[in-house]
Amino acid sequence: MAKQKKEKEDKPKVAKELDGLELNVDSFGEIKKSMSIDDINAFLNDKVDDKKLRERDDLSNSGSKKKKN
């Protein structure tokens, strides 16, 4: 007898701000999301340090981390 695989659809652990976010790709290759792109970008701007923007003076540094020496 062949073993049957059980398909587990465990949800990944995410930050509580992104709870409920689901991303799917349809048959045409379009990304479908359950949260607006503006909300996702706001979260990323607050939580992720962008190496390319560290040296820019025209952006606020409120959410960025300090540079490691």
C-alpha atoms as a PDB file:
ATOM      1  CA  MET A   1       0.000   0.000   0.000  1.00  0.00           C
ATOM      2  CA  ALA A   2       1.218   3.473  -0.846  1.00  0.00           C
ATOM      3  CA  LYS A   3       1.317   6.076   1.847  1.00  0.00           C
ATOM      4  CA  GLN A   4      -1.008   8.985   1.436  1.00  0.00           C
ATOM      5  CA  LYS A   5       0.391  12.406   2.109  1.00  0.00           C
ATOM      6  CA  LYS A   6      -1.575  14.616   4.411  1.00  0.00           C
ATOM      7  CA  GLU A   7      -1.718  18.146   3.179  1.00  0.00           C
ATOM      8  CA  LYS A   8      -1.345  20.533   6.062  1.00  0.00           C
ATOM      9  CA  GLU A   9      -2.187  24.124   5.372  1.00  0.00           C
ATOM     10  CA  ASP A  10      -0.482  25.743   8.338  1.00  0.00           C
ATOM     11  CA  LYS A  11      -0.526  29.490   8.275  1.00  0.00           C
ATOM     12  CA  PRO A  12       2.891  31.126   8.665  1.00  0.00           C
ATOM     13  CA  LYS A  13       3.663  33.161  11.750  1.00  0.00           C
ATOM     14  CA  VAL A  14       3.317  36.854  10.992  1.00  0.00           C
ATOM     15  CA  ALA A  15       3.406  40.120  12.894  1.00  0.00           C
ATOM     16  CA  LYS A  16       0.111  40.989  14.535  1.00  0.00           C
ATOM     17  CA  GLU A  17      -0.188  44.065  12.296  1.00  0.00           C
ATOM     18  CA  LEU A  18      -0.277  41.754   9.258  1.00  0.00           C
ATOM     19  CA  ASP A  19      -2.667  39.221  10.754  1.00  0.00           C
ATOM     20  CA  GLY A  20      -5.167  38.173   8.099  1.00  0.00           C
ATOM     21  CA  LEU A  21      -2.893  38.950   5.159  1.00  0.00           C
ATOM     22  CA  GLU A  22      -3.227  36.402   2.395  1.00  0.00           C
ATOM     23  CA  LEU A  23      -1.326  36.475  -0.887  1.00  0.00           C
ATOM     24  CA  ASN A  24      -2.314  34.323  -3.842  1.00  0.00           C
ATOM     25  CA  VAL A  25      -1.229  34.151  -7.467  1.00  0.00           C
ATOM     26  CA  ASP A  26      -4.027  33.484  -9.951  1.00  0.00           C
ATOM     27  CA  SER A  27      -3.756  31.599 -13.237  1.00  0.00           C
ATOM     28  CA  PHE A  28      -2.776  34.795 -15.081  1.00  0.00           C
ATOM     29  CA  GLY A  29       0.135  35.474 -12.703  1.00  0.00           C
ATOM     30  CA  GLU A  30      -1.609  38.351 -10.960  1.00  0.00           C
ATOM     31  CA  ILE A  31      -1.041  38.715  -7.240  1.00  0.00           C
ATOM     32  CA  LYS A  32      -4.235  38.832  -5.196  1.00  0.00           C
ATOM     33  CA  LYS A  33      -3.972  40.199  -1.675  1.00  0.00           C
ATOM     34  CA  SER A  34      -6.364  40.597   1.217  1.00  0.00           C
ATOM     35  CA  MET A  35      -4.820  43.876   2.460  1.00  0.00           C
ATOM     36  CA  SER A  36      -4.250  47.144   0.637  1.00  0.00           C
ATOM     37  CA  ILE A  37      -0.771  47.805  -0.703  1.00  0.00           C
ATOM     38  CA  ASP A  38      -0.670  51.099   1.224  1.00  0.00           C
ATOM     39  CA  ASP A  39      -1.116  49.242   4.534  1.00  0.00           C
ATOM     40  CA  ILE A  40       1.622  46.767   3.599  1.00  0.00           C
ATOM     41  CA  ASN A  41       3.985  49.590   2.589  1.00  0.00           C
ATOM     42  CA  ALA A  42       3.305  51.493   5.817  1.00  0.00           C
ATOM     43  CA  PHE A  43       4.190  48.385   7.832  1.00  0.00           C
ATOM     44  CA  LEU A  44       7.385  47.823   5.831  1.00  0.00           C
ATOM     45  CA  ASN A  45       8.425  51.476   6.156  1.00  0.00           C
ATOM     46  CA  ASP A  46       8.107  51.250   9.944  1.00  0.00           C
ATOM     47  CA  LYS A  47       9.723  47.836  10.464  1.00  0.00           C
ATOM     48  CA  VAL A  48      12.334  47.326   7.724  1.00  0.00           C
ATOM     49  CA  ASP A  49      15.601  49.210   7.375  1.00  0.00           C
ATOM     50  CA  ASP A  50      16.330  50.077   3.743  1.00  0.00           C
ATOM     51  CA  LYS A  51      20.098  50.088   3.183  1.00  0.00           C
ATOM     52  CA  LYS A  52      19.804  52.180   0.033  1.00  0.00           C
ATOM     53  CA  LEU A  53      18.024  55.017   1.857  1.00  0.00           C
ATOM     54  CA  ARG A  54      20.240  55.274   4.952  1.00  0.00           C
ATOM     55  CA  GLU A  55      22.338  58.172   3.666  1.00  0.00           C
ATOM     56  CA  ARG A  56      19.464  60.276   2.310  1.00  0.00           C
ATOM     57  CA  ASP A  57      18.813  63.524   4.146  1.00  0.00           C
ATOM     58  CA  ASP A  58      15.416  64.245   2.587  1.00  0.00           C
ATOM     59  CA  LEU A  59      13.706  61.277   4.286  1.00  0.00           C
ATOM     60  CA  SER A  60      12.682  61.026   7.916  1.00  0.00           C
ATOM     61  CA  ASN A  61      14.711  58.588   9.998  1.00  0.00           C
ATOM     62  CA  SER A  62      12.017  57.873  12.576  1.00  0.00           C
ATOM     63  CA  GLY A  63      11.649  54.200  11.694  1.00  0.00           C
ATOM     64  CA  SER A  64      15.154  53.409  10.527  1.00  0.00           C
ATOM     65  CA  LYS A  65      17.774  51.627  12.554  1.00  0.00           C
ATOM     66  CA  LYS A  66      21.175  53.110  13.279  1.00  0.00           C
ATOM     67  CA  LYS A  67      24.051  52.131  11.080  1.00  0.00           C
ATOM     68  CA  LYS A  68      26.344  49.405  12.468  1.00  0.00           C
ATOM     69  CA  ASN A  69      30.080  50.171  12.493  1.00  0.00           C
END
